[in-house]
C-alpha atoms as a PDB file:
ATOM      1  CA  UNK A   1      62.571  18.167 -55.532  1.00  0.00           C
ATOM      2  CA  UNK A   2      63.736  17.348 -52.031  1.00  0.00           C
ATOM      3  CA  UNK A   3      61.791  15.966 -49.065  1.00  0.00           C
ATOM      4  CA  UNK A   4      62.728  16.240 -45.416  1.00  0.00           C
ATOM      5  CA  UNK A   5      61.107  13.052 -44.150  1.00  0.00           C
ATOM      6  CA  UNK A   6      61.603  13.906 -40.458  1.00  0.00           C
ATOM      7  CA  UNK A   7      61.537  17.368 -38.865  1.00  0.00           C
ATOM      8  CA  UNK A   8      60.301  18.576 -35.461  1.00  0.00           C
ATOM      9  CA  UNK A   9      59.200  21.998 -36.618  1.00  0.00           C
ATOM     10  CA  UNK A  10      57.367  22.684 -33.368  1.00  0.00           C
ATOM     11  CA  UNK A  11      60.567  22.454 -31.293  1.00  0.00           C
ATOM     12  CA  UNK A  12      61.429  25.379 -29.045  1.00  0.00           C
ATOM     13  CA  UNK A  13      64.667  25.986 -30.958  1.00  0.00           C
ATOM     14  CA  UNK A  14      62.618  27.298 -33.886  1.00  0.00           C
ATOM     15  CA  UNK A  15      60.945  29.959 -31.770  1.00  0.00           C
ATOM     16  CA  UNK A  16      57.601  31.376 -32.775  1.00  0.00           C
ATOM     17  CA  UNK A  17      58.147  31.624 -36.543  1.00  0.00           C
ATOM     18  CA  UNK A  18      58.183  28.152 -38.098  1.00  0.00           C
ATOM     19  CA  UNK A  19      56.913  29.702 -41.331  1.00  0.00           C
ATOM     20  CA  UNK A  20      60.326  31.342 -41.777  1.00  0.00           C
ATOM     21  CA  UNK A  21      62.039  27.959 -41.387  1.00  0.00           C
ATOM     22  CA  UNK A  22      59.732  26.471 -44.015  1.00  0.00           C
ATOM     23  CA  UNK A  23      60.256  29.425 -46.380  1.00  0.00           C
ATOM     24  CA  UNK A  24      64.019  28.968 -46.081  1.00  0.00           C
ATOM     25  CA  UNK A  25      63.615  25.275 -46.889  1.00  0.00           C
ATOM     26  CA  UNK A  26      61.418  25.978 -49.904  1.00  0.00           C
ATOM     27  CA  UNK A  27      64.002  28.454 -51.188  1.00  0.00           C
ATOM     28  CA  UNK A  28      66.585  25.666 -50.925  1.00  0.00           C
ATOM     29  CA  UNK A  29      64.386  23.336 -52.993  1.00  0.00           C
ATOM     30  CA  UNK A  30      62.748  21.329 -50.208  1.00  0.00           C
ATOM     31  CA  UNK A  31      59.197  20.778 -51.386  1.00  0.00           C
ATOM     32  CA  UNK A  32      57.775  18.710 -48.500  1.00  0.00           C
ATOM     33  CA  UNK A  33      58.512  18.350 -44.782  1.00  0.00           C
ATOM     34  CA  UNK A  34      57.108  15.578 -42.577  1.00  0.00           C
ATOM     35  CA  UNK A  35      56.362  16.553 -38.966  1.00  0.00           C
ATOM     36  CA  UNK A  36      56.167  13.614 -36.530  1.00  0.00           C
ATOM     37  CA  UNK A  37      54.428  14.065 -33.193  1.00  0.00           C
ATOM     38  CA  UNK A  38      56.164  12.964 -30.001  1.00  0.00           C
ATOM     39  CA  UNK A  39      53.416  13.064 -27.362  1.00  0.00           C
ATOM     40  CA  UNK A  40      49.717  13.602 -26.836  1.00  0.00           C
ATOM     41  CA  UNK A  41      50.464  17.246 -26.038  1.00  0.00           C
ATOM     42  CA  UNK A  42      51.615  18.009 -29.577  1.00  0.00           C
ATOM     43  CA  UNK A  43      49.171  15.949 -31.655  1.00  0.00           C
ATOM     44  CA  UNK A  44      47.174  19.072 -32.474  1.00  0.00           C
ATOM     45  CA  UNK A  45      50.307  21.202 -32.899  1.00  0.00           C
ATOM     46  CA  UNK A  46      51.764  19.168 -35.765  1.00  0.00           C
ATOM     47  CA  UNK A  47      48.347  18.901 -37.417  1.00  0.00           C
ATOM     48  CA  UNK A  48      47.848  22.669 -37.230  1.00  0.00           C
ATOM     49  CA  UNK A  49      51.333  23.374 -38.563  1.00  0.00           C
ATOM     50  CA  UNK A  50      50.698  21.077 -41.513  1.00  0.00           C
ATOM     51  CA  UNK A  51      47.354  22.757 -42.176  1.00  0.00           C
ATOM     52  CA  UNK A  52      48.790  26.272 -42.127  1.00  0.00           C
ATOM     53  CA  UNK A  53      52.114  25.626 -43.855  1.00  0.00           C
ATOM     54  CA  UNK A  54      51.386  24.480 -47.379  1.00  0.00           C
ATOM     55  CA  UNK A  55      54.159  21.966 -47.890  1.00  0.00           C
ATOM     56  CA  UNK A  56      54.029  20.067 -44.588  1.00  0.00           C
ATOM     57  CA  UNK A  57      52.505  16.714 -43.677  1.00  0.00           C
ATOM     58  CA  UNK A  58      52.347  15.107 -40.237  1.00  0.00           C
ATOM     59  CA  UNK A  59      52.411  11.873 -38.285  1.00  0.00           C
ATOM     60  CA  UNK A  60      50.852  11.036 -34.908  1.00  0.00           C
ATOM     61  CA  UNK A  61      52.530   8.968 -32.227  1.00  0.00           C
ATOM     62  CA  UNK A  62      54.157   8.783 -28.808  1.00  0.00           C
ATOM     63  CA  UNK A  63      57.966   8.924 -28.880  1.00  0.00           C
ATOM     64  CA  UNK A  64      59.794   6.459 -26.602  1.00  0.00           C
ATOM     65  CA  UNK A  65      61.491   9.311 -24.719  1.00  0.00           C
ATOM     66  CA  UNK A  66      58.001  10.534 -23.771  1.00  0.00           C
ATOM     67  CA  UNK A  67      56.736   7.114 -22.724  1.00  0.00           C
ATOM     68  CA  UNK A  68      57.827   7.517 -19.065  1.00  0.00           C
ATOM     69  CA  UNK A  69      55.275  10.314 -18.609  1.00  0.00           C
ATOM     70  CA  UNK A  70      52.606   8.767 -20.832  1.00  0.00           C
ATOM     71  CA  UNK A  71      49.545   6.862 -19.647  1.00  0.00           C
ATOM     72  CA  UNK A  72      47.484   4.150 -21.278  1.00  0.00           C
ATOM     73  CA  UNK A  73      44.785   6.761 -21.772  1.00  0.00           C
ATOM     74  CA  UNK A  74      47.189   8.553 -24.118  1.00  0.00           C
ATOM     75  CA  UNK A  75      47.084   5.477 -26.341  1.00  0.00           C
ATOM     76  CA  UNK A  76      43.313   5.654 -26.441  1.00  0.00           C
ATOM     77  CA  UNK A  77      43.499   9.350 -27.287  1.00  0.00           C
ATOM     78  CA  UNK A  78      45.980   8.526 -30.044  1.00  0.00           C
ATOM     79  CA  UNK A  79      43.618   5.934 -31.518  1.00  0.00           C
ATOM     80  CA  UNK A  80      40.720   8.411 -31.398  1.00  0.00           C
ATOM     81  CA  UNK A  81      42.843  11.196 -32.905  1.00  0.00           C
ATOM     82  CA  UNK A  82      43.964   8.907 -35.726  1.00  0.00           C
ATOM     83  CA  UNK A  83      40.366   7.934 -36.441  1.00  0.00           C
ATOM     84  CA  UNK A  84      39.420  11.609 -36.683  1.00  0.00           C
ATOM     85  CA  UNK A  85      42.460  12.492 -38.795  1.00  0.00           C
ATOM     86  CA  UNK A  86      42.223   9.641 -41.288  1.00  0.00           C
ATOM     87  CA  UNK A  87      40.287  11.835 -43.725  1.00  0.00           C
ATOM     88  CA  UNK A  88      42.967  14.555 -43.566  1.00  0.00           C
ATOM     89  CA  UNK A  89      45.251  14.072 -46.582  1.00  0.00           C
ATOM     90  CA  UNK A  90      48.152  15.676 -44.704  1.00  0.00           C
ATOM     91  CA  UNK A  91      48.093  12.926 -42.080  1.00  0.00           C
ATOM     92  CA  UNK A  92      50.523  10.345 -43.451  1.00  0.00           C
ATOM     93  CA  UNK A  93      51.786   7.954 -40.752  1.00  0.00           C
ATOM     94  CA  UNK A  94      51.967   6.798 -37.157  1.00  0.00           C
ATOM     95  CA  UNK A  95      55.089   8.262 -35.605  1.00  0.00           C
ATOM     96  CA  UNK A  96      57.439   8.905 -34.090  1.00  0.00           C
ATOM     97  CA  UNK A  97      57.264   5.596 -32.265  1.00  0.00           C
ATOM     98  CA  UNK A  98      59.751   2.935 -31.244  1.00  0.00           C
ATOM     99  CA  UNK A  99      62.078   1.881 -28.459  1.00  0.00           C
ATOM    100  CA  UNK A 100      65.200   3.622 -27.134  1.00  0.00           C
ATOM    101  CA  UNK A 101      67.959   1.626 -25.436  1.00  0.00           C
ATOM    102  CA  UNK A 102      70.535   4.428 -25.574  1.00  0.00           C
ATOM    103  CA  UNK A 103      69.224   6.272 -22.512  1.00  0.00           C
ATOM    104  CA  UNK A 104      70.339   4.126 -19.530  1.00  0.00           C
ATOM    105  CA  UNK A 105      67.197   4.454 -17.417  1.00  0.00           C
ATOM    106  CA  UNK A 106      65.004   3.431 -20.366  1.00  0.00           C
ATOM    107  CA  UNK A 107      66.809   0.092 -20.611  1.00  0.00           C
ATOM    108  CA  UNK A 108      65.857  -0.984 -17.118  1.00  0.00           C
ATOM    109  CA  UNK A 109      62.681  -2.753 -16.009  1.00  0.00           C
ATOM    110  CA  UNK A 110      59.927  -1.665 -15.728  1.00  0.00           C
ATOM    111  CA  UNK A 111      60.619   1.190 -18.198  1.00  0.00           C
ATOM    112  CA  UNK A 112      61.856  -1.207 -20.861  1.00  0.00           C
ATOM    113  CA  UNK A 113      58.611  -3.141 -20.591  1.00  0.00           C
ATOM    114  CA  UNK A 114      56.565   0.051 -20.757  1.00  0.00           C
ATOM    115  CA  UNK A 115      58.430   1.174 -23.876  1.00  0.00           C
ATOM    116  CA  UNK A 116      57.787  -2.138 -25.589  1.00  0.00           C
ATOM    117  CA  UNK A 117      54.112  -2.074 -24.583  1.00  0.00           C
ATOM    118  CA  UNK A 118      53.605   1.423 -26.027  1.00  0.00           C
ATOM    119  CA  UNK A 119      55.459   0.459 -29.189  1.00  0.00           C
ATOM    120  CA  UNK A 120      53.356  -2.668 -29.711  1.00  0.00           C
ATOM    121  CA  UNK A 121      50.095  -0.834 -29.061  1.00  0.00           C
ATOM    122  CA  UNK A 122      51.005   1.864 -31.573  1.00  0.00           C
ATOM    123  CA  UNK A 123      51.907  -0.757 -34.167  1.00  0.00           C
ATOM    124  CA  UNK A 124      48.398  -2.150 -33.664  1.00  0.00           C
ATOM    125  CA  UNK A 125      46.934   1.290 -34.374  1.00  0.00           C
ATOM    126  CA  UNK A 126      48.999   1.517 -37.561  1.00  0.00           C
ATOM    127  CA  UNK A 127      47.877  -1.985 -38.556  1.00  0.00           C
ATOM    128  CA  UNK A 128      44.230  -1.277 -37.823  1.00  0.00           C
ATOM    129  CA  UNK A 129      44.213   1.909 -39.912  1.00  0.00           C
ATOM    130  CA  UNK A 130      46.553   0.528 -42.606  1.00  0.00           C
ATOM    131  CA  UNK A 131      49.156   3.229 -42.042  1.00  0.00           C
ATOM    132  CA  UNK A 132      52.950   3.210 -42.295  1.00  0.00           C
ATOM    133  CA  UNK A 133      55.067   4.001 -39.252  1.00  0.00           C
ATOM    134  CA  UNK A 134      58.003   6.307 -38.575  1.00  0.00           C
ATOM    135  CA  UNK A 135      60.337   4.476 -36.223  1.00  0.00           C
ATOM    136  CA  UNK A 136      62.761   5.743 -33.595  1.00  0.00           C
ATOM    137  CA  UNK A 137      65.653   3.281 -33.836  1.00  0.00           C
ATOM    138  CA  UNK A 138      68.370   3.838 -31.248  1.00  0.00           C
ATOM    139  CA  UNK A 139      70.236   0.705 -30.154  1.00  0.00           C
ATOM    140  CA  UNK A 140      66.937  -1.130 -30.484  1.00  0.00           C
ATOM    141  CA  UNK A 141      66.901  -2.572 -33.991  1.00  0.00           C
ATOM    142  CA  UNK A 142      66.342  -6.198 -33.044  1.00  0.00           C
ATOM    143  CA  UNK A 143      63.552  -5.379 -30.599  1.00  0.00           C
ATOM    144  CA  UNK A 144      61.753  -3.258 -33.185  1.00  0.00           C
ATOM    145  CA  UNK A 145      62.073  -6.014 -35.766  1.00  0.00           C
ATOM    146  CA  UNK A 146      60.731  -8.621 -33.334  1.00  0.00           C
ATOM    147  CA  UNK A 147      57.506  -6.673 -32.872  1.00  0.00           C
ATOM    148  CA  UNK A 148      57.199  -5.857 -36.576  1.00  0.00           C
ATOM    149  CA  UNK A 149      57.153  -9.587 -37.277  1.00  0.00           C
ATOM    150  CA  UNK A 150      54.406 -10.084 -34.693  1.00  0.00           C
ATOM    151  CA  UNK A 151      52.353  -7.042 -35.689  1.00  0.00           C
ATOM    152  CA  UNK A 152      52.812  -6.487 -39.436  1.00  0.00           C
ATOM    153  CA  UNK A 153      52.312  -2.974 -40.788  1.00  0.00           C
ATOM    154  CA  UNK A 154      52.589  -1.612 -44.311  1.00  0.00           C
ATOM    155  CA  UNK A 155      56.163  -0.390 -43.768  1.00  0.00           C
ATOM    156  CA  UNK A 156      57.430   3.134 -43.322  1.00  0.00           C
ATOM    157  CA  UNK A 157      60.726   4.753 -42.353  1.00  0.00           C
ATOM    158  CA  UNK A 158      63.374   3.603 -39.884  1.00  0.00           C
ATOM    159  CA  UNK A 159      64.505   7.068 -38.852  1.00  0.00           C
ATOM    160  CA  UNK A 160      68.210   7.854 -38.214  1.00  0.00           C
ATOM    161  CA  UNK A 161      69.194   4.293 -38.989  1.00  0.00           C
ATOM    162  CA  UNK A 162      72.464   3.158 -37.428  1.00  0.00           C
ATOM    163  CA  UNK A 163      72.305  -0.619 -37.357  1.00  0.00           C
ATOM    164  CA  UNK A 164      74.141  -3.377 -39.162  1.00  0.00           C
ATOM    165  CA  UNK A 165      73.844  -4.286 -42.822  1.00  0.00           C
ATOM    166  CA  UNK A 166      71.939  -7.424 -41.813  1.00  0.00           C
ATOM    167  CA  UNK A 167      69.457  -5.421 -39.734  1.00  0.00           C
ATOM    168  CA  UNK A 168      69.058  -2.931 -42.578  1.00  0.00           C
ATOM    169  CA  UNK A 169      68.213  -5.794 -44.929  1.00  0.00           C
ATOM    170  CA  UNK A 170      65.532  -7.040 -42.516  1.00  0.00           C
ATOM    171  CA  UNK A 171      63.866  -3.622 -42.309  1.00  0.00           C
ATOM    172  CA  UNK A 172      63.949  -3.302 -46.090  1.00  0.00           C
ATOM    173  CA  UNK A 173      62.320  -6.729 -46.494  1.00  0.00           C
ATOM    174  CA  UNK A 174      59.520  -5.539 -44.203  1.00  0.00           C
ATOM    175  CA  UNK A 175      58.803  -2.576 -46.474  1.00  0.00           C
ATOM    176  CA  UNK A 176      60.865   0.115 -44.792  1.00  0.00           C
ATOM    177  CA  UNK A 177      63.138   2.797 -46.142  1.00  0.00           C
ATOM    178  CA  UNK A 178      66.028   3.940 -43.960  1.00  0.00           C
ATOM    179  CA  UNK A 179      66.518   7.578 -42.983  1.00  0.00           C
ATOM    180  CA  UNK A 180      69.899   9.246 -43.470  1.00  0.00           C
ATOM    181  CA  UNK A 181      70.747  12.751 -42.323  1.00  0.00           C
ATOM    182  CA  UNK A 182      73.313  14.799 -40.485  1.00  0.00           C
ATOM    183  CA  UNK A 183      75.081  11.867 -38.800  1.00  0.00           C
ATOM    184  CA  UNK A 184      76.161  10.634 -42.236  1.00  0.00           C
ATOM    185  CA  UNK A 185      78.163  13.845 -42.815  1.00  0.00           C
ATOM    186  CA  UNK A 186      80.689  13.075 -40.057  1.00  0.00           C
ATOM    187  CA  UNK A 187      83.711  11.198 -41.386  1.00  0.00           C
ATOM    188  CA  UNK A 188      83.960   9.204 -38.154  1.00  0.00           C
ATOM    189  CA  UNK A 189      80.483   7.733 -38.698  1.00  0.00           C
ATOM    190  CA  UNK A 190      81.982   4.816 -40.586  1.00  0.00           C
ATOM    191  CA  UNK A 191      79.100   2.343 -40.319  1.00  0.00           C
ATOM    192  CA  UNK A 192      76.450   4.868 -41.342  1.00  0.00           C
ATOM    193  CA  UNK A 193      78.553   5.993 -44.295  1.00  0.00           C
ATOM    194  CA  UNK A 194      79.155   2.400 -45.403  1.00  0.00           C
ATOM    195  CA  UNK A 195      75.427   1.748 -45.349  1.00  0.00           C
ATOM    196  CA  UNK A 196      74.656   4.984 -47.184  1.00  0.00           C
ATOM    197  CA  UNK A 197      77.129   4.022 -49.889  1.00  0.00           C
ATOM    198  CA  UNK A 198      76.102   0.401 -50.327  1.00  0.00           C
ATOM    199  CA  UNK A 199      72.375  -0.021 -49.671  1.00  0.00           C
ATOM    200  CA  UNK A 200      69.995  -0.350 -52.625  1.00  0.00           C
ATOM    201  CA  UNK A 201      68.920   3.064 -53.858  1.00  0.00           C
ATOM    202  CA  UNK A 202      65.278   2.144 -53.224  1.00  0.00           C
ATOM    203  CA  UNK A 203      66.065   1.949 -49.483  1.00  0.00           C
ATOM    204  CA  UNK A 204      67.226   5.517 -48.875  1.00  0.00           C
ATOM    205  CA  UNK A 205      65.348   8.602 -47.722  1.00  0.00           C
ATOM    206  CA  UNK A 206      66.701  11.930 -46.506  1.00  0.00           C
ATOM    207  CA  UNK A 207      65.877  13.618 -43.220  1.00  0.00           C
ATOM    208  CA  UNK A 208      67.153  16.251 -40.836  1.00  0.00           C
ATOM    209  CA  UNK A 209      65.514  15.422 -37.483  1.00  0.00           C
ATOM    210  CA  UNK A 210      65.742  19.204 -37.115  1.00  0.00           C
ATOM    211  CA  UNK A 211      66.585  20.839 -34.814  1.00  0.00           C
ATOM    212  CA  UNK A 212      68.651  17.761 -33.860  1.00  0.00           C
ATOM    213  CA  UNK A 213      71.428  15.767 -35.588  1.00  0.00           C
ATOM    214  CA  UNK A 214      73.016  18.773 -37.277  1.00  0.00           C
ATOM    215  CA  UNK A 215      75.454  18.054 -40.124  1.00  0.00           C
ATOM    216  CA  UNK A 216      79.189  18.372 -39.513  1.00  0.00           C
ATOM    217  CA  UNK A 217      79.444  21.892 -40.947  1.00  0.00           C
ATOM    218  CA  UNK A 218      76.604  23.184 -38.769  1.00  0.00           C
ATOM    219  CA  UNK A 219      77.169  21.338 -35.486  1.00  0.00           C
ATOM    220  CA  UNK A 220      76.442  22.296 -32.720  1.00  0.00           C
ATOM    221  CA  UNK A 221      73.982  24.859 -34.109  1.00  0.00           C
ATOM    222  CA  UNK A 222      70.381  23.675 -34.610  1.00  0.00           C
ATOM    223  CA  UNK A 223      69.646  21.738 -37.754  1.00  0.00           C
ATOM    224  CA  UNK A 224      67.102  23.009 -40.308  1.00  0.00           C
ATOM    225  CA  UNK A 225      65.221  21.419 -43.219  1.00  0.00           C
ATOM    226  CA  UNK A 226      67.054  23.761 -45.619  1.00  0.00           C
ATOM    227  CA  UNK A 227      70.120  21.584 -45.020  1.00  0.00           C
ATOM    228  CA  UNK A 228      68.625  18.661 -46.956  1.00  0.00           C
ATOM    229  CA  UNK A 229      70.295  19.472 -50.318  1.00  0.00           C
ATOM    230  CA  UNK A 230      73.680  19.810 -48.598  1.00  0.00           C
ATOM    231  CA  UNK A 231      73.213  16.524 -46.756  1.00  0.00           C
ATOM    232  CA  UNK A 232      72.171  14.980 -50.076  1.00  0.00           C
ATOM    233  CA  UNK A 233      75.420  16.156 -51.634  1.00  0.00           C
ATOM    234  CA  UNK A 234      77.320  14.031 -49.106  1.00  0.00           C
ATOM    235  CA  UNK A 235      75.157  11.036 -49.982  1.00  0.00           C
ATOM    236  CA  UNK A 236      75.778  11.616 -53.684  1.00  0.00           C
ATOM    237  CA  UNK A 237      79.530  11.713 -53.062  1.00  0.00           C
ATOM    238  CA  UNK A 238      79.476   8.535 -50.972  1.00  0.00           C
ATOM    239  CA  UNK A 239      77.503   6.689 -53.662  1.00  0.00           C
ATOM    240  CA  UNK A 240      79.294   8.184 -56.642  1.00  0.00           C
ATOM    241  CA  UNK A 241      76.012   9.334 -58.160  1.00  0.00           C
ATOM    242  CA  UNK A 242      74.799  12.655 -59.582  1.00  0.00           C
ATOM    243  CA  UNK A 243      72.922  14.872 -57.152  1.00  0.00           C
ATOM    244  CA  UNK A 244      69.905  14.867 -59.483  1.00  0.00           C
ATOM    245  CA  UNK A 245      69.722  11.070 -59.231  1.00  0.00           C
ATOM    246  CA  UNK A 246      69.732  11.264 -55.433  1.00  0.00           C
ATOM    247  CA  UNK A 247      66.958  13.876 -55.526  1.00  0.00           C
ATOM    248  CA  UNK A 248      64.748  11.789 -57.794  1.00  0.00           C
ATOM    249  CA  UNK A 249      65.291   8.478 -56.034  1.00  0.00           C
ATOM    250  CA  UNK A 250      64.930   9.694 -52.451  1.00  0.00           C
ATOM    251  CA  UNK A 251      61.774  11.625 -53.361  1.00  0.00           C
ATOM    252  CA  UNK A 252      60.293   8.549 -55.038  1.00  0.00           C
ATOM    253  CA  UNK A 253      61.205   6.450 -52.012  1.00  0.00           C
ATOM    254  CA  UNK A 254      59.373   8.731 -49.573  1.00  0.00           C
ATOM    255  CA  UNK A 255      56.320   8.735 -51.845  1.00  0.00           C
ATOM    256  CA  UNK A 256      56.405   4.919 -51.904  1.00  0.00           C
ATOM    257  CA  UNK A 257      56.746   4.277 -48.160  1.00  0.00           C
ATOM    258  CA  UNK A 258      54.415   7.150 -47.183  1.00  0.00           C
ATOM    259  CA  UNK A 259      51.768   6.681 -49.877  1.00  0.00           C
ATOM    260  CA  UNK A 260      49.408   9.316 -48.474  1.00  0.00           C
ATOM    261  CA  UNK A 261      52.205  11.853 -48.917  1.00  0.00           C
ATOM    262  CA  UNK A 262      52.777  10.463 -52.401  1.00  0.00           C
ATOM    263  CA  UNK A 263      49.143  11.259 -53.212  1.00  0.00           C
ATOM    264  CA  UNK A 264      49.617  14.803 -51.890  1.00  0.00           C
ATOM    265  CA  UNK A 265      52.655  15.257 -54.091  1.00  0.00           C
ATOM    266  CA  UNK A 266      50.655  14.300 -57.171  1.00  0.00           C
ATOM    267  CA  UNK A 267      47.665  16.501 -56.324  1.00  0.00           C
END
């Protein structure tokens, strides 16, 4: 069994037939796909996709790249939507949330402050509803960790992790698994590949971020969840482990850090 722990199935690149993308993934052995929201406008979209596509779960949150257009009312709507969704077994986390310091204009005040405010407020929602979080981590590891220490949550996934070994250890201590995907397949991605090879096996989950972060053999074409077993083969090679071991461990890790999804998997 494989799990794609991060896929934007509602993206325009997938057109009007996401069911075909899911069917292709299932044929490749991908049993579950997690669909994070990015803005108030797609809260209902990811929930409806998960409801209609049998092997999908979803998360609700406001992505840092969408924070510039967001209002504080969107945070209130998020809290209300979470409260309504908490009885839905396919709702598994708060996400995708975080801070992005890669985009130059997002690093500058007041946008930096707004990003951090939205991140902190969404951590509070996760804390209040006892939910894990799916984090956007792009040149912002230390800032994310600072707020996680102030506003503890039950853990989750640090998506597309590309920090240092020391930062990785801090996330792991706080109950997080680290997401590895297409970036790991590029031989020039030395730090990511070192982490993938050396981190404890309990720390690793697989993801595509489809349609983004395509693996080396697919770039620049859009990524798809069906690529998970091929991405996993790179991880297996880097770690010197059988592919079956990677499948079992990464699946168990997702079930542990997203326990509502773990319950779905056992149903």
